Amino acid sequence: MWKHTGLNRFSVPLIPKPQLRRDAPSVYAQGAYPKLSDRYHFIPTTDIVERLALNGWFPVYAHETRARLADRVGYSKHLLRFRRMDGGLPMVGDTIPEIVLVNSHDGTSSYALSAGLFRLVCGNGMVIPSGKGLNLLRRRHSGRVLDDVIEGTYEIVEDLPAIAAQVDAFRAFPLTPAQQQTYGSAALALRWGRAAHAPVMPEQITAPRRLEDRGDDLWSVFQRTQENLTKGGLPGRATTGRRLTTRAITAVEASVGINKALWRLTEQTAGLKEAA
């Protein structure tokens, strides 16, 4: 029985009903989007959740993209984060390792697994496209989905030492204010195409939100930037001069994409400093 312990809701498994259904109703789809071809092999996300639970992984977060068309409601792309509750996996820096599943029932995506990290200080989740990553763990809907999911979790767990080593490398690299400015400009371009088109300044995107976030090492700068980019809430100005507040990224595809791109930017930054 999955029981809430009174902790932060991201620290305990989601109760399948009603919380998981409320946060990502498409998880409970009973069939594929009606307009899909008969060749589409429907695999209920609930089957994947149950299979992962049998292997010790439980959902701790769920979200889905809002359907733009009424007839796609209940079939949307959804993201679930899974975590082991037995303490069997070590922390990676100041984060908890997770498995991230992306799936849909409207044909907009195959299912995909990747490594994730959850930072306790800010309650913020990251997606890590490193090691074997998404490229080997992205599968079309087929009869092997459930077996592939379990195989994929083992591959991701095997990647964790390499991810931890990357985190250690990021923490070992101090960035000067000028280098943080450069990193912030590149991060803005990931979301707005060009830093000049962004409604905020590079120093805003790399700024800490809390005392625990302070630090000039690359890992600290990355975490601050990731949170500021994805959660929004920063005051800025549109290109017309109108005042605004940046919005959180809520679409699953955009959220995963910006996480992957920012991680690669951080890898590149570490590599460039190492070579300097």
Protein backbone atom coordinates (compact mmCIF):
# COMPACT_ATOMS: atom_id res chain seq x y z
CA MET A 1 0.00 0.00 0.00
CA TRP A 2 1.44 3.38 -0.99
CA LYS A 3 1.06 5.62 2.02
CA HIS A 4 1.65 9.36 2.39
CA THR A 5 3.97 10.04 5.33
CA GLY A 6 3.47 13.79 5.66
CA LEU A 7 6.74 14.60 3.87
CA ASN A 8 7.09 16.75 0.77
CA ARG A 9 4.88 15.08 -1.81
CA PHE A 10 7.86 14.55 -4.12
CA SER A 11 9.56 12.43 -1.41
CA VAL A 12 6.93 9.69 -1.30
CA PRO A 13 5.18 7.69 -4.01
CA LEU A 14 2.14 9.28 -5.57
CA ILE A 15 -1.09 7.63 -4.54
CA PRO A 16 -2.34 6.16 -7.86
CA LYS A 17 -5.91 7.38 -7.30
CA PRO A 18 -6.76 10.20 -7.19
CA GLN A 19 -3.44 12.07 -7.21
CA LEU A 20 -1.76 10.40 -10.16
CA ARG A 21 -5.02 10.51 -12.14
CA ARG A 22 -5.42 14.20 -11.27
CA ASP A 23 -1.88 15.22 -12.23
CA ALA A 24 -1.67 13.15 -15.43
CA PRO A 25 -5.06 11.69 -16.43
CA SER A 26 -3.68 10.36 -19.71
CA VAL A 27 -1.76 7.77 -17.71
CA TYR A 28 -5.11 6.03 -17.25
CA ALA A 29 -6.14 5.99 -20.92
CA GLN A 30 -7.95 2.74 -21.74
CA GLY A 31 -7.06 2.87 -25.40
CA ALA A 32 -5.19 4.83 -28.05
CA TYR A 33 -6.38 8.07 -29.64
CA PRO A 34 -9.23 6.89 -31.90
CA LYS A 35 -7.81 8.47 -35.07
CA LEU A 36 -4.54 6.52 -34.92
CA SER A 37 -3.80 3.72 -37.36
CA ASP A 38 -4.65 0.15 -36.38
CA ARG A 39 -0.92 -0.57 -36.59
CA TYR A 40 -0.37 1.47 -33.43
CA HIS A 41 0.26 -0.91 -30.53
CA PHE A 42 -1.39 0.50 -27.41
CA ILE A 43 0.44 -0.12 -24.14
CA PRO A 44 -1.29 1.40 -21.07
CA THR A 45 1.04 3.60 -19.04
CA THR A 46 -0.56 2.04 -15.95
CA ASP A 47 0.98 -1.29 -17.01
CA ILE A 48 4.42 0.37 -17.08
CA VAL A 49 3.80 1.93 -13.64
CA GLU A 50 2.85 -1.46 -12.21
CA ARG A 51 5.84 -3.23 -13.77
CA LEU A 52 8.24 -0.61 -12.43
CA ALA A 53 6.66 -0.85 -8.97
CA LEU A 54 7.28 -4.60 -8.98
CA ASN A 55 10.95 -3.78 -9.60
CA GLY A 56 11.15 -1.22 -6.79
CA TRP A 57 10.50 2.03 -8.71
CA PHE A 58 7.56 4.20 -7.64
CA PRO A 59 6.14 7.40 -9.20
CA VAL A 60 6.91 10.56 -7.25
CA TYR A 61 5.85 13.17 -9.81
CA ALA A 62 3.48 13.26 -12.79
CA HIS A 63 2.62 15.91 -15.34
CA GLU A 64 1.10 16.02 -18.79
CA THR A 65 0.92 18.46 -21.68
CA ARG A 66 -2.38 20.27 -22.01
CA ALA A 67 -4.25 19.03 -25.08
CA ARG A 68 -4.99 21.77 -27.61
CA LEU A 69 -7.77 19.78 -29.29
CA ALA A 70 -10.75 18.57 -27.30
CA ASP A 71 -10.71 15.08 -28.81
CA ARG A 72 -7.10 14.55 -27.64
CA VAL A 73 -7.90 15.13 -23.98
CA GLY A 74 -6.98 12.01 -22.06
CA TYR A 75 -4.33 10.89 -24.58
CA SER A 76 -1.70 13.63 -24.13
CA LYS A 77 2.05 13.32 -23.76
CA HIS A 78 2.87 12.75 -20.10
CA LEU A 79 5.97 12.63 -17.91
CA LEU A 80 6.45 10.56 -14.76
CA ARG A 81 9.42 10.53 -12.41
CA PHE A 82 10.16 7.30 -10.53
CA ARG A 83 12.34 6.78 -7.49
CA ARG A 84 13.46 3.84 -5.40
CA MET A 85 12.15 4.10 -1.84
CA ASP A 86 14.49 1.52 -0.33
CA GLY A 87 17.53 3.83 -0.23
CA GLY A 88 19.39 1.43 -2.48
CA LEU A 89 20.84 4.11 -4.74
CA PRO A 90 23.41 6.66 -3.52
CA MET A 91 22.88 10.40 -3.72
CA VAL A 92 24.49 12.18 -6.67
CA GLY A 93 25.92 15.33 -5.15
CA ASP A 94 22.96 16.97 -3.42
CA THR A 95 20.40 15.20 -5.62
CA ILE A 96 18.45 11.93 -5.65
CA PRO A 97 18.69 9.72 -8.77
CA GLU A 98 15.43 9.02 -10.59
CA ILE A 99 14.04 7.39 -13.73
CA VAL A 100 12.07 9.68 -16.06
CA LEU A 101 9.40 8.21 -18.35
CA VAL A 102 7.79 10.11 -21.22
CA ASN A 103 4.88 8.52 -23.07
CA SER A 104 1.75 9.44 -24.99
CA HIS A 105 -1.34 7.74 -26.38
CA ASP A 106 -2.03 10.14 -29.25
CA GLY A 107 0.90 9.16 -31.46
CA THR A 108 2.94 12.27 -30.72
CA SER A 109 5.81 10.30 -29.20
CA SER A 110 7.22 6.89 -28.62
CA TYR A 111 7.95 6.12 -25.00
CA ALA A 112 11.33 7.21 -23.66
CA LEU A 113 13.30 6.60 -20.49
CA SER A 114 16.14 8.73 -19.17
CA ALA A 115 18.07 9.38 -16.00
CA GLY A 116 16.85 12.14 -13.72
CA LEU A 117 18.12 14.00 -10.68
CA PHE A 118 15.92 15.56 -8.00
CA ARG A 119 17.36 18.35 -5.88
CA LEU A 120 16.01 18.35 -2.34
CA VAL A 121 16.78 22.00 -1.57
CA CYS A 122 14.46 23.45 -4.19
CA GLY A 123 12.20 20.53 -5.06
CA ASN A 124 13.39 20.71 -8.66
CA GLY A 125 13.74 17.79 -11.08
CA MET A 126 16.30 17.52 -13.88
CA VAL A 127 16.58 15.23 -16.91
CA ILE A 128 20.04 13.94 -17.79
CA PRO A 129 20.80 12.94 -21.42
CA SER A 130 24.18 11.39 -20.59
CA GLY A 131 25.74 7.97 -20.97
CA LYS A 132 23.48 5.61 -22.91
CA GLY A 133 20.71 8.16 -22.42
CA LEU A 134 17.54 8.64 -24.41
CA ASN A 135 18.91 7.51 -27.75
CA LEU A 136 19.09 3.85 -26.75
CA LEU A 137 16.06 3.97 -24.48
CA ARG A 138 13.53 5.43 -26.90
CA ARG A 139 11.20 2.77 -28.24
CA ARG A 140 8.16 2.63 -30.47
CA HIS A 141 5.02 1.12 -29.04
CA SER A 142 5.38 -2.64 -29.49
CA GLY A 143 4.73 -5.84 -27.63
CA ARG A 144 8.14 -5.58 -25.93
CA VAL A 145 7.52 -2.28 -24.20
CA LEU A 146 7.22 -3.66 -20.67
CA ASP A 147 10.38 -5.76 -20.97
CA ASP A 148 12.22 -2.83 -22.58
CA VAL A 149 11.27 -0.55 -19.68
CA ILE A 150 12.86 -2.86 -17.14
CA GLU A 151 15.95 -3.34 -19.27
CA GLY A 152 16.15 0.42 -19.63
CA THR A 153 16.10 1.01 -15.87
CA TYR A 154 19.08 -1.31 -15.46
CA GLU A 155 20.97 0.58 -18.17
CA ILE A 156 20.25 3.90 -16.46
CA VAL A 157 21.34 2.58 -13.06
CA GLU A 158 24.59 1.47 -14.72
CA ASP A 159 25.01 5.06 -15.92
CA LEU A 160 24.69 6.58 -12.44
CA PRO A 161 28.41 6.35 -11.52
CA ALA A 162 29.27 8.19 -14.74
CA ILE A 163 26.64 10.84 -14.00
CA ALA A 164 28.00 11.21 -10.46
CA ALA A 165 31.49 11.66 -11.89
CA GLN A 166 30.19 14.42 -14.17
CA VAL A 167 28.56 16.16 -11.22
CA ASP A 168 31.86 15.99 -9.30
CA ALA A 169 33.63 17.48 -12.31
CA PHE A 170 31.10 20.32 -12.51
CA ARG A 171 31.53 21.03 -8.80
CA ALA A 172 35.31 21.22 -9.25
CA PHE A 173 35.13 23.98 -11.88
CA PRO A 174 34.84 27.55 -10.57
CA LEU A 175 33.40 30.11 -12.96
CA THR A 176 34.38 33.76 -12.95
CA PRO A 177 31.59 36.38 -13.17
CA ALA A 178 32.43 36.85 -16.86
CA GLN A 179 32.20 33.11 -17.49
CA GLN A 180 28.87 32.95 -15.67
CA GLN A 181 27.65 35.78 -17.92
CA THR A 182 28.68 33.79 -20.99
CA TYR A 183 27.00 30.66 -19.67
CA GLY A 184 23.83 32.61 -18.87
CA SER A 185 23.73 34.09 -22.40
CA ALA A 186 24.05 30.63 -23.93
CA ALA A 187 21.31 29.32 -21.65
CA LEU A 188 18.95 32.13 -22.66
CA ALA A 189 19.53 31.25 -26.31
CA LEU A 190 18.42 27.67 -25.60
CA ARG A 191 14.96 28.90 -24.69
CA TRP A 192 14.50 32.10 -26.71
CA GLY A 193 16.63 31.39 -29.79
CA ARG A 194 18.98 34.31 -29.16
CA ALA A 195 19.98 35.89 -25.87
CA ALA A 196 19.06 39.28 -27.33
CA HIS A 197 15.45 38.08 -27.76
CA ALA A 198 15.14 36.98 -24.13
CA PRO A 199 13.05 39.14 -21.76
CA VAL A 200 15.63 38.78 -18.98
CA MET A 201 19.36 39.33 -18.63
CA PRO A 202 22.02 36.58 -18.34
CA GLU A 203 22.80 37.57 -14.74
CA GLN A 204 19.14 36.99 -13.83
CA ILE A 205 19.09 33.47 -15.21
CA THR A 206 22.19 32.47 -13.21
CA ALA A 207 21.21 34.27 -9.99
CA PRO A 208 20.45 32.27 -6.79
CA ARG A 209 16.92 32.14 -5.39
CA ARG A 210 17.99 31.09 -1.90
CA LEU A 211 21.09 31.09 0.32
CA GLU A 212 21.73 27.41 -0.35
CA ASP A 213 22.08 28.15 -4.06
CA ARG A 214 25.07 30.44 -3.73
CA GLY A 215 28.36 29.27 -5.22
CA ASP A 216 30.55 30.00 -8.22
CA ASP A 217 31.22 26.41 -9.26
CA LEU A 218 29.70 25.13 -12.50
CA TRP A 219 27.34 22.71 -10.73
CA SER A 220 25.82 25.51 -8.64
CA VAL A 221 25.49 27.77 -11.67
CA PHE A 222 23.88 24.97 -13.67
CA GLN A 223 21.32 24.22 -10.96
CA ARG A 224 20.37 27.88 -10.56
CA THR A 225 20.05 28.33 -14.30
CA GLN A 226 17.98 25.17 -14.74
CA GLU A 227 15.53 26.25 -12.06
CA ASN A 228 15.25 29.81 -13.36
CA LEU A 229 14.72 28.65 -16.94
CA THR A 230 12.11 26.01 -16.16
CA LYS A 231 10.20 27.52 -13.24
CA GLY A 232 9.99 31.08 -14.56
CA GLY A 233 8.88 33.88 -12.24
CA LEU A 234 11.63 36.33 -13.25
CA PRO A 235 10.73 39.99 -13.93
CA GLY A 236 11.65 41.19 -17.39
CA ARG A 237 10.64 43.15 -20.47
CA ALA A 238 9.35 42.06 -23.85
CA THR A 239 11.04 43.34 -27.00
CA THR A 240 8.27 45.96 -27.13
CA GLY A 241 9.30 47.24 -23.70
CA ARG A 242 6.26 45.82 -21.92
CA ARG A 243 6.93 44.55 -18.40
CA LEU A 244 6.37 40.84 -17.87
CA THR A 245 7.20 37.86 -15.70
CA THR A 246 8.73 34.79 -17.34
CA ARG A 247 6.49 31.76 -17.44
CA ALA A 248 7.27 28.26 -16.25
CA ILE A 249 7.80 25.62 -18.94
CA THR A 250 4.79 23.31 -18.68
CA ALA A 251 4.81 21.33 -21.93
CA VAL A 252 6.49 17.93 -21.46
CA GLU A 253 8.48 18.04 -24.71
CA ALA A 254 9.76 21.57 -24.05
CA SER A 255 10.69 20.74 -20.45
CA VAL A 256 12.66 17.64 -21.40
CA GLY A 257 14.26 19.44 -24.32
CA ILE A 258 15.52 22.40 -22.30
CA ASN A 259 16.86 20.06 -19.60
CA LYS A 260 18.79 18.00 -22.13
CA ALA A 261 20.14 21.06 -23.92
CA LEU A 262 21.25 22.76 -20.71
CA TRP A 263 23.04 19.62 -19.50
CA ARG A 264 24.93 19.43 -22.80
CA LEU A 265 25.83 23.12 -22.51
CA THR A 266 27.21 22.41 -19.05
CA GLU A 267 29.23 19.45 -20.36
CA GLN A 268 30.61 21.66 -23.11
CA THR A 269 31.48 24.40 -20.60
CA ALA A 270 33.36 21.90 -18.43
CA GLY A 271 35.17 20.57 -21.48
CA LEU A 272 36.18 24.00 -22.67
CA LYS A 273 37.54 24.94 -19.25
CA GLU A 274 39.36 21.64 -18.99
CA ALA A 275 41.01 22.26 -22.34
CA ALA A 276 41.94 25.85 -21.50
